[in-house]
Amino acid sequence: MGIPLALSFRQTEILELARSEGRVVVDDLAQRFEVTLQTIRRDLTELADAGHLDRVHGGAILRTGVTNLGYEQRGRMNEAAKAAIARACAAAIPNNCSIIMNLGTTTEAVARALLQHSNITVVTNNMNVANILTANPGCEIMVAGGALRRSDGGLVGELTTQFFEQFKVDFAVIGTSALDRDGDLLDYDLAEVRVSKAIIRQARRVFLVCDASKLNRSAPARLASMAELDTLFTDAALPADLAAKCDGWGTRVQVCA
């Protein structure tokens, strides 16, 4: 979508930052543009009123509604955080193991971090993950069947679910579109949710890779609870109430830098 001419130069820059990072913070913007906090709050309010952003405590996030962001846009968001999360997740995965990896730009970052692993088997419904891992001669790659989603290279549907049900793997590495304060993983596509549920069932240990911007998003379909996970790899500490729930569930949270 083009930026309306009514936006000021500063508002245009703020919107571009939000598109690249997923979230903007009032204090950071005030320092960046050398203006008052009140000026930034007014900019964010106007951008929200124009339908570009949603206001959250301390800043704003891209407005997403009930549809996911485009694949290329998601790929550009929080790249440094995703790389740090991927390195930490890959470090927790040993050589000589089997892994299922699902859809998402963060799981693709994990695939890149696995390029030096040896004697691993990766089962995936993500064509991008498969293509990345072809550069690792020590990785056997198995790709699910199903309906190809051209927008992001994902395979979904009943065939995909049935394919994963044939495996029992050491690790699942999954992403999510949103994570709420109840600890529920949320997504936009029911077909993808059914596939991800099967992946969780077929893994001995489940790793969620998810940057902190997902806590400020919402999606209509429930995938799972964090209680079903072994470890969350993320880039910022969880809110205190959610962290306490994870502690009670025995779900480890690793903050990656």
C-alpha atoms as a PDB file:
ATOM      1  CA  MET A   1       0.000   0.000   0.000  1.00  0.00           C
ATOM      2  CA  GLY A   2       1.343   3.430  -0.900  1.00  0.00           C
ATOM      3  CA  ILE A   3       1.943   6.031   1.789  1.00  0.00           C
ATOM      4  CA  PRO A   4      -0.691   8.823   1.601  1.00  0.00           C
ATOM      5  CA  LEU A   5       0.643  12.265   0.744  1.00  0.00           C
ATOM      6  CA  ALA A   6      -0.981  13.620   3.915  1.00  0.00           C
ATOM      7  CA  LEU A   7       1.695  11.927   6.027  1.00  0.00           C
ATOM      8  CA  SER A   8       4.631  14.038   7.127  1.00  0.00           C
ATOM      9  CA  PHE A   9       8.205  13.009   6.395  1.00  0.00           C
ATOM     10  CA  ARG A  10       8.639  11.885  10.002  1.00  0.00           C
ATOM     11  CA  GLN A  11       5.437   9.846   9.928  1.00  0.00           C
ATOM     12  CA  THR A  12       6.565   8.226   6.691  1.00  0.00           C
ATOM     13  CA  GLU A  13       9.844   7.246   8.346  1.00  0.00           C
ATOM     14  CA  ILE A  14       8.006   5.913  11.408  1.00  0.00           C
ATOM     15  CA  LEU A  15       5.785   3.778   9.204  1.00  0.00           C
ATOM     16  CA  GLU A  16       8.793   2.383   7.337  1.00  0.00           C
ATOM     17  CA  LEU A  17      10.445   1.511  10.663  1.00  0.00           C
ATOM     18  CA  ALA A  18       7.284  -0.258  11.782  1.00  0.00           C
ATOM     19  CA  ARG A  19       7.194  -2.211   8.527  1.00  0.00           C
ATOM     20  CA  SER A  20      10.813  -3.336   8.925  1.00  0.00           C
ATOM     21  CA  GLU A  21      10.783  -4.045  12.676  1.00  0.00           C
ATOM     22  CA  GLY A  22       7.147  -4.855  13.417  1.00  0.00           C
ATOM     23  CA  ARG A  23       6.993  -2.436  16.365  1.00  0.00           C
ATOM     24  CA  VAL A  24       8.072   1.111  17.183  1.00  0.00           C
ATOM     25  CA  VAL A  25       8.665   2.548  20.672  1.00  0.00           C
ATOM     26  CA  VAL A  26       7.838   6.124  21.673  1.00  0.00           C
ATOM     27  CA  ASP A  27      11.075   6.756  23.593  1.00  0.00           C
ATOM     28  CA  ASP A  28      13.265   5.414  20.779  1.00  0.00           C
ATOM     29  CA  LEU A  29      11.458   7.465  18.147  1.00  0.00           C
ATOM     30  CA  ALA A  30      11.715  10.655  20.199  1.00  0.00           C
ATOM     31  CA  GLN A  31      15.486  10.198  20.444  1.00  0.00           C
ATOM     32  CA  ARG A  32      15.839   9.257  16.791  1.00  0.00           C
ATOM     33  CA  PHE A  33      13.944  12.293  15.486  1.00  0.00           C
ATOM     34  CA  GLU A  34      14.981  14.647  18.319  1.00  0.00           C
ATOM     35  CA  VAL A  35      11.414  15.629  19.149  1.00  0.00           C
ATOM     36  CA  THR A  36       9.282  15.398  22.282  1.00  0.00           C
ATOM     37  CA  LEU A  37       7.457  12.297  23.455  1.00  0.00           C
ATOM     38  CA  GLN A  38       4.185  14.159  22.961  1.00  0.00           C
ATOM     39  CA  THR A  39       5.039  14.795  19.297  1.00  0.00           C
ATOM     40  CA  ILE A  40       5.726  11.100  18.705  1.00  0.00           C
ATOM     41  CA  ARG A  41       2.540  10.076  20.500  1.00  0.00           C
ATOM     42  CA  ARG A  42       0.583  12.441  18.244  1.00  0.00           C
ATOM     43  CA  ASP A  43       2.284  10.961  15.153  1.00  0.00           C
ATOM     44  CA  LEU A  44       1.406   7.433  16.256  1.00  0.00           C
ATOM     45  CA  THR A  45      -2.176   8.384  17.005  1.00  0.00           C
ATOM     46  CA  GLU A  46      -2.557   9.913  13.544  1.00  0.00           C
ATOM     47  CA  LEU A  47      -1.015   6.833  11.917  1.00  0.00           C
ATOM     48  CA  ALA A  48      -3.384   4.632  13.917  1.00  0.00           C
ATOM     49  CA  ASP A  49      -6.377   6.782  12.938  1.00  0.00           C
ATOM     50  CA  ALA A  50      -5.310   6.418   9.290  1.00  0.00           C
ATOM     51  CA  GLY A  51      -5.369   2.624   9.641  1.00  0.00           C
ATOM     52  CA  HIS A  52      -1.607   2.011   9.378  1.00  0.00           C
ATOM     53  CA  LEU A  53      -0.740   1.113  12.986  1.00  0.00           C
ATOM     54  CA  ASP A  54      -2.288  -0.173  16.199  1.00  0.00           C
ATOM     55  CA  ARG A  55      -1.331   1.630  19.400  1.00  0.00           C
ATOM     56  CA  VAL A  56       0.106  -0.546  22.177  1.00  0.00           C
ATOM     57  CA  HIS A  57       1.610   0.392  25.529  1.00  0.00           C
ATOM     58  CA  GLY A  58       4.743   2.434  24.891  1.00  0.00           C
ATOM     59  CA  GLY A  59       4.471   2.514  21.104  1.00  0.00           C
ATOM     60  CA  ALA A  60       2.694   0.977  18.128  1.00  0.00           C
ATOM     61  CA  ILE A  61       2.688  -2.105  15.904  1.00  0.00           C
ATOM     62  CA  LEU A  62       1.672  -2.786  12.334  1.00  0.00           C
ATOM     63  CA  ARG A  63      -2.042  -3.350  11.943  1.00  0.00           C
ATOM     64  CA  THR A  64      -2.675  -6.973  10.952  1.00  0.00           C
ATOM     65  CA  GLY A  65      -6.354  -7.725  11.634  1.00  0.00           C
ATOM     66  CA  VAL A  66      -7.318 -11.315  10.811  1.00  0.00           C
ATOM     67  CA  THR A  67      -4.917 -11.832   7.903  1.00  0.00           C
ATOM     68  CA  ASN A  68      -1.196 -12.422   8.126  1.00  0.00           C
ATOM     69  CA  LEU A  69       1.452 -10.058   6.807  1.00  0.00           C
ATOM     70  CA  GLY A  70       2.950 -10.827   3.410  1.00  0.00           C
ATOM     71  CA  TYR A  71       5.822 -13.325   3.341  1.00  0.00           C
ATOM     72  CA  GLU A  72       8.456 -10.864   2.103  1.00  0.00           C
ATOM     73  CA  GLN A  73       7.392  -8.300   4.688  1.00  0.00           C
ATOM     74  CA  ARG A  74       7.590 -10.889   7.479  1.00  0.00           C
ATOM     75  CA  GLY A  75      11.027 -11.941   6.260  1.00  0.00           C
ATOM     76  CA  ARG A  76      12.357  -8.410   6.655  1.00  0.00           C
ATOM     77  CA  MET A  77      10.962  -7.918  10.151  1.00  0.00           C
ATOM     78  CA  ASN A  78      13.243  -8.369  13.175  1.00  0.00           C
ATOM     79  CA  GLU A  79      15.989 -10.061  11.159  1.00  0.00           C
ATOM     80  CA  ALA A  80      18.673  -9.659  13.831  1.00  0.00           C
ATOM     81  CA  ALA A  81      16.387 -11.062  16.520  1.00  0.00           C
ATOM     82  CA  LYS A  82      15.442 -14.014  14.333  1.00  0.00           C
ATOM     83  CA  ALA A  83      19.115 -14.766  13.659  1.00  0.00           C
ATOM     84  CA  ALA A  84      19.919 -14.743  17.389  1.00  0.00           C
ATOM     85  CA  ILE A  85      16.930 -16.969  18.134  1.00  0.00           C
ATOM     86  CA  ALA A  86      17.980 -19.343  15.351  1.00  0.00           C
ATOM     87  CA  ARG A  87      21.550 -19.640  16.637  1.00  0.00           C
ATOM     88  CA  ALA A  88      20.352 -20.475  20.142  1.00  0.00           C
ATOM     89  CA  CYS A  89      17.821 -23.015  18.908  1.00  0.00           C
ATOM     90  CA  ALA A  90      20.359 -24.709  16.621  1.00  0.00           C
ATOM     91  CA  ALA A  91      22.846 -24.879  19.498  1.00  0.00           C
ATOM     92  CA  ALA A  92      20.255 -26.861  21.497  1.00  0.00           C
ATOM     93  CA  ILE A  93      19.916 -29.424  18.692  1.00  0.00           C
ATOM     94  CA  PRO A  94      22.675 -32.052  18.593  1.00  0.00           C
ATOM     95  CA  ASN A  95      24.104 -33.871  15.625  1.00  0.00           C
ATOM     96  CA  ASN A  96      22.694 -37.318  14.859  1.00  0.00           C
ATOM     97  CA  CYS A  97      19.016 -36.503  15.375  1.00  0.00           C
ATOM     98  CA  SER A  98      15.708 -36.073  13.555  1.00  0.00           C
ATOM     99  CA  ILE A  99      13.760 -32.813  13.327  1.00  0.00           C
ATOM    100  CA  ILE A 100      10.413 -31.615  11.979  1.00  0.00           C
ATOM    101  CA  MET A 101      10.320 -27.961  10.951  1.00  0.00           C
ATOM    102  CA  ASN A 102       7.150 -26.109  10.000  1.00  0.00           C
ATOM    103  CA  LEU A 103       6.326 -22.865   8.218  1.00  0.00           C
ATOM    104  CA  GLY A 104       7.665 -19.430   9.057  1.00  0.00           C
ATOM    105  CA  THR A 105      10.551 -17.079   8.476  1.00  0.00           C
ATOM    106  CA  THR A 106      12.046 -17.823  11.914  1.00  0.00           C
ATOM    107  CA  THR A 107      12.126 -21.570  11.275  1.00  0.00           C
ATOM    108  CA  GLU A 108      13.876 -20.729   7.998  1.00  0.00           C
ATOM    109  CA  ALA A 109      16.481 -18.824  10.032  1.00  0.00           C
ATOM    110  CA  VAL A 110      16.940 -21.978  12.137  1.00  0.00           C
ATOM    111  CA  ALA A 111      17.500 -23.968   8.947  1.00  0.00           C
ATOM    112  CA  ARG A 112      20.339 -21.605   8.034  1.00  0.00           C
ATOM    113  CA  ALA A 113      21.802 -22.088  11.522  1.00  0.00           C
ATOM    114  CA  LEU A 114      21.747 -25.881  11.013  1.00  0.00           C
ATOM    115  CA  LEU A 115      23.971 -25.856   7.945  1.00  0.00           C
ATOM    116  CA  GLN A 116      26.987 -27.103   9.901  1.00  0.00           C
ATOM    117  CA  HIS A 117      25.153 -29.935  11.680  1.00  0.00           C
ATOM    118  CA  SER A 118      25.942 -33.493  10.647  1.00  0.00           C
ATOM    119  CA  ASN A 119      23.892 -36.657  10.304  1.00  0.00           C
ATOM    120  CA  ILE A 120      20.533 -34.976  10.810  1.00  0.00           C
ATOM    121  CA  THR A 121      17.205 -35.757   9.182  1.00  0.00           C
ATOM    122  CA  VAL A 122      14.841 -32.844   8.620  1.00  0.00           C
ATOM    123  CA  VAL A 123      11.195 -33.452   7.772  1.00  0.00           C
ATOM    124  CA  THR A 124       9.392 -30.320   6.634  1.00  0.00           C
ATOM    125  CA  ASN A 125       6.390 -28.845   4.877  1.00  0.00           C
ATOM    126  CA  ASN A 126       8.373 -25.670   4.200  1.00  0.00           C
ATOM    127  CA  MET A 127       9.908 -25.595   0.730  1.00  0.00           C
ATOM    128  CA  ASN A 128      12.183 -22.729   1.780  1.00  0.00           C
ATOM    129  CA  VAL A 129      13.606 -24.793   4.661  1.00  0.00           C
ATOM    130  CA  ALA A 130      14.244 -27.682   2.261  1.00  0.00           C
ATOM    131  CA  ASN A 131      16.008 -25.413  -0.232  1.00  0.00           C
ATOM    132  CA  ILE A 132      18.188 -23.849   2.478  1.00  0.00           C
ATOM    133  CA  LEU A 133      19.262 -27.239   3.837  1.00  0.00           C
ATOM    134  CA  THR A 134      20.309 -28.587   0.435  1.00  0.00           C
ATOM    135  CA  ALA A 135      23.589 -26.764   1.152  1.00  0.00           C
ATOM    136  CA  ASN A 136      24.245 -29.142   4.081  1.00  0.00           C
ATOM    137  CA  PRO A 137      25.564 -32.519   2.798  1.00  0.00           C
ATOM    138  CA  GLY A 138      25.095 -33.975   6.284  1.00  0.00           C
ATOM    139  CA  CYS A 139      21.338 -33.417   6.220  1.00  0.00           C
ATOM    140  CA  GLU A 140      18.768 -35.830   4.822  1.00  0.00           C
ATOM    141  CA  ILE A 141      15.702 -33.841   3.764  1.00  0.00           C
ATOM    142  CA  MET A 142      12.171 -35.225   3.557  1.00  0.00           C
ATOM    143  CA  VAL A 143       9.458 -32.943   2.159  1.00  0.00           C
ATOM    144  CA  ALA A 144       5.780 -33.421   2.915  1.00  0.00           C
ATOM    145  CA  GLY A 145       3.140 -33.680   0.249  1.00  0.00           C
ATOM    146  CA  GLY A 146       0.096 -31.449   0.203  1.00  0.00           C
ATOM    147  CA  ALA A 147      -1.295 -28.305  -1.376  1.00  0.00           C
ATOM    148  CA  LEU A 148       1.422 -25.771  -2.134  1.00  0.00           C
ATOM    149  CA  ARG A 149       0.791 -22.294  -0.787  1.00  0.00           C
ATOM    150  CA  ARG A 150       2.524 -20.114  -3.356  1.00  0.00           C
ATOM    151  CA  SER A 151       2.640 -17.076  -1.075  1.00  0.00           C
ATOM    152  CA  ASP A 152       5.274 -18.606   1.230  1.00  0.00           C
ATOM    153  CA  GLY A 153       6.313 -22.012  -0.115  1.00  0.00           C
ATOM    154  CA  GLY A 154       4.327 -23.904   2.505  1.00  0.00           C
ATOM    155  CA  LEU A 155       2.580 -27.243   2.044  1.00  0.00           C
ATOM    156  CA  VAL A 156      -0.689 -27.676   3.938  1.00  0.00           C
ATOM    157  CA  GLY A 157      -3.798 -29.823   3.992  1.00  0.00           C
ATOM    158  CA  GLU A 158      -4.857 -33.335   4.954  1.00  0.00           C
ATOM    159  CA  LEU A 159      -2.074 -34.981   2.916  1.00  0.00           C
ATOM    160  CA  THR A 160       0.503 -32.956   4.832  1.00  0.00           C
ATOM    161  CA  THR A 161      -1.004 -33.936   8.187  1.00  0.00           C
ATOM    162  CA  GLN A 162      -1.051 -37.603   7.220  1.00  0.00           C
ATOM    163  CA  PHE A 163       2.570 -37.417   6.093  1.00  0.00           C
ATOM    164  CA  PHE A 164       3.775 -36.107   9.453  1.00  0.00           C
ATOM    165  CA  GLU A 165       1.773 -38.729  11.333  1.00  0.00           C
ATOM    166  CA  GLN A 166       4.130 -41.373   9.915  1.00  0.00           C
ATOM    167  CA  PHE A 167       7.093 -40.001  11.902  1.00  0.00           C
ATOM    168  CA  LYS A 168       8.288 -39.827  15.485  1.00  0.00           C
ATOM    169  CA  VAL A 169      11.167 -37.355  15.695  1.00  0.00           C
ATOM    170  CA  ASP A 170      13.533 -36.084  18.361  1.00  0.00           C
ATOM    171  CA  PHE A 171      12.701 -32.388  17.926  1.00  0.00           C
ATOM    172  CA  ALA A 172      10.053 -30.159  16.415  1.00  0.00           C
ATOM    173  CA  VAL A 173      10.972 -26.577  15.598  1.00  0.00           C
ATOM    174  CA  ILE A 174       7.830 -24.538  15.078  1.00  0.00           C
ATOM    175  CA  GLY A 175       6.864 -20.917  14.618  1.00  0.00           C
ATOM    176  CA  THR A 176       3.620 -19.124  15.340  1.00  0.00           C
ATOM    177  CA  SER A 177       1.852 -16.036  14.021  1.00  0.00           C
ATOM    178  CA  ALA A 178       0.889 -14.723  17.452  1.00  0.00           C
ATOM    179  CA  LEU A 179       1.291 -15.526  21.142  1.00  0.00           C
ATOM    180  CA  ASP A 180      -1.222 -14.268  23.682  1.00  0.00           C
ATOM    181  CA  ARG A 181      -0.977 -13.566  27.405  1.00  0.00           C
ATOM    182  CA  ASP A 182      -2.759 -16.842  28.193  1.00  0.00           C
ATOM    183  CA  GLY A 183       0.156 -18.674  26.627  1.00  0.00           C
ATOM    184  CA  ASP A 184      -1.771 -19.785  23.546  1.00  0.00           C
ATOM    185  CA  LEU A 185      -0.081 -20.041  20.150  1.00  0.00           C
ATOM    186  CA  LEU A 186      -2.316 -18.520  17.473  1.00  0.00           C
ATOM    187  CA  ASP A 187      -2.450 -18.615  13.684  1.00  0.00           C
ATOM    188  CA  TYR A 188      -4.528 -17.410  10.745  1.00  0.00           C
ATOM    189  CA  ASP A 189      -4.908 -20.587   8.681  1.00  0.00           C
ATOM    190  CA  LEU A 190      -6.861 -23.567  10.057  1.00  0.00           C
ATOM    191  CA  ALA A 191      -5.199 -25.914   7.563  1.00  0.00           C
ATOM    192  CA  GLU A 192      -1.790 -24.839   8.856  1.00  0.00           C
ATOM    193  CA  VAL A 193      -2.986 -25.217  12.459  1.00  0.00           C
ATOM    194  CA  ARG A 194      -3.994 -28.837  11.857  1.00  0.00           C
ATOM    195  CA  VAL A 195      -0.566 -29.580  10.395  1.00  0.00           C
ATOM    196  CA  SER A 196       1.238 -27.929  13.302  1.00  0.00           C
ATOM    197  CA  LYS A 197      -0.846 -29.865  15.843  1.00  0.00           C
ATOM    198  CA  ALA A 198       0.278 -33.095  14.160  1.00  0.00           C
ATOM    199  CA  ILE A 199       3.902 -31.926  14.278  1.00  0.00           C
ATOM    200  CA  ILE A 200       3.681 -31.330  18.030  1.00  0.00           C
ATOM    201  CA  ARG A 201       2.173 -34.787  18.597  1.00  0.00           C
ATOM    202  CA  GLN A 202       4.946 -36.504  16.646  1.00  0.00           C
ATOM    203  CA  ALA A 203       7.943 -34.903  18.420  1.00  0.00           C
ATOM    204  CA  ARG A 204       9.657 -35.898  21.650  1.00  0.00           C
ATOM    205  CA  ARG A 205      10.670 -32.295  22.318  1.00  0.00           C
ATOM    206  CA  VAL A 206       9.053 -29.143  20.922  1.00  0.00           C
ATOM    207  CA  PHE A 207      10.905 -25.859  20.433  1.00  0.00           C
ATOM    208  CA  LEU A 208       9.010 -22.674  19.632  1.00  0.00           C
ATOM    209  CA  VAL A 209      11.008 -19.953  17.861  1.00  0.00           C
ATOM    210  CA  CYS A 210       9.208 -16.657  18.199  1.00  0.00           C
ATOM    211  CA  ASP A 211      10.368 -13.046  18.417  1.00  0.00           C
ATOM    212  CA  ALA A 212       8.778 -10.709  20.950  1.00  0.00           C
ATOM    213  CA  SER A 213       6.701  -8.837  18.349  1.00  0.00           C
ATOM    214  CA  LYS A 214       4.355 -11.851  18.249  1.00  0.00           C
ATOM    215  CA  LEU A 215       3.154 -10.909  21.756  1.00  0.00           C
ATOM    216  CA  ASN A 216       1.633  -7.762  20.283  1.00  0.00           C
ATOM    217  CA  ARG A 217      -0.288  -9.517  17.535  1.00  0.00           C
ATOM    218  CA  SER A 218      -3.492 -11.516  17.430  1.00  0.00           C
ATOM    219  CA  ALA A 219      -4.835 -14.280  15.209  1.00  0.00           C
ATOM    220  CA  PRO A 220      -8.151 -16.155  15.278  1.00  0.00           C
ATOM    221  CA  ALA A 221      -7.112 -19.832  15.348  1.00  0.00           C
ATOM    222  CA  ARG A 222      -5.603 -21.560  18.404  1.00  0.00           C
ATOM    223  CA  LEU A 223      -2.684 -23.876  17.636  1.00  0.00           C
ATOM    224  CA  ALA A 224      -1.515 -25.043  21.064  1.00  0.00           C
ATOM    225  CA  SER A 225      -0.630 -23.953  24.576  1.00  0.00           C
ATOM    226  CA  MET A 226       2.884 -23.130  25.698  1.00  0.00           C
ATOM    227  CA  ALA A 227       2.295 -25.847  28.292  1.00  0.00           C
ATOM    228  CA  GLU A 228       2.864 -28.321  25.430  1.00  0.00           C
ATOM    229  CA  LEU A 229       6.314 -26.913  24.635  1.00  0.00           C
ATOM    230  CA  ASP A 230       9.725 -27.762  26.012  1.00  0.00           C
ATOM    231  CA  THR A 231      11.454 -24.458  25.208  1.00  0.00           C
ATOM    232  CA  LEU A 232      10.570 -21.039  23.862  1.00  0.00           C
ATOM    233  CA  PHE A 233      13.429 -19.226  22.135  1.00  0.00           C
ATOM    234  CA  THR A 234      12.703 -15.507  21.971  1.00  0.00           C
ATOM    235  CA  ASP A 235      14.501 -12.165  22.021  1.00  0.00           C
ATOM    236  CA  ALA A 236      12.970 -10.435  25.052  1.00  0.00           C
ATOM    237  CA  ALA A 237      11.716 -11.383  28.496  1.00  0.00           C
ATOM    238  CA  LEU A 238       8.061 -12.394  28.673  1.00  0.00           C
ATOM    239  CA  PRO A 239       5.536 -10.346  30.642  1.00  0.00           C
ATOM    240  CA  ALA A 240       5.674 -11.386  34.309  1.00  0.00           C
ATOM    241  CA  ASP A 241       2.284 -13.139  34.291  1.00  0.00           C
ATOM    242  CA  LEU A 242       3.129 -15.231  31.235  1.00  0.00           C
ATOM    243  CA  ALA A 243       6.617 -16.007  32.549  1.00  0.00           C
ATOM    244  CA  ALA A 244       5.041 -17.282  35.774  1.00  0.00           C
ATOM    245  CA  LYS A 245       2.699 -19.534  33.797  1.00  0.00           C
ATOM    246  CA  CYS A 246       5.623 -20.964  31.825  1.00  0.00           C
ATOM    247  CA  ASP A 247       7.456 -21.654  35.060  1.00  0.00           C
ATOM    248  CA  GLY A 248       4.425 -23.530  36.371  1.00  0.00           C
ATOM    249  CA  TRP A 249       4.126 -25.540  33.171  1.00  0.00           C
ATOM    250  CA  GLY A 250       7.818 -26.395  33.141  1.00  0.00           C
ATOM    251  CA  THR A 251       8.255 -24.608  29.799  1.00  0.00           C
ATOM    252  CA  ARG A 252      11.763 -23.190  29.562  1.00  0.00           C
ATOM    253  CA  VAL A 253      12.147 -19.667  28.185  1.00  0.00           C
ATOM    254  CA  GLN A 254      15.497 -18.761  26.639  1.00  0.00           C
ATOM    255  CA  VAL A 255      16.067 -15.094  25.835  1.00  0.00           C
ATOM    256  CA  CYS A 256      18.508 -14.860  22.936  1.00  0.00           C
ATOM    257  CA  ALA A 257      20.816 -11.958  22.195  1.00  0.00           C
END
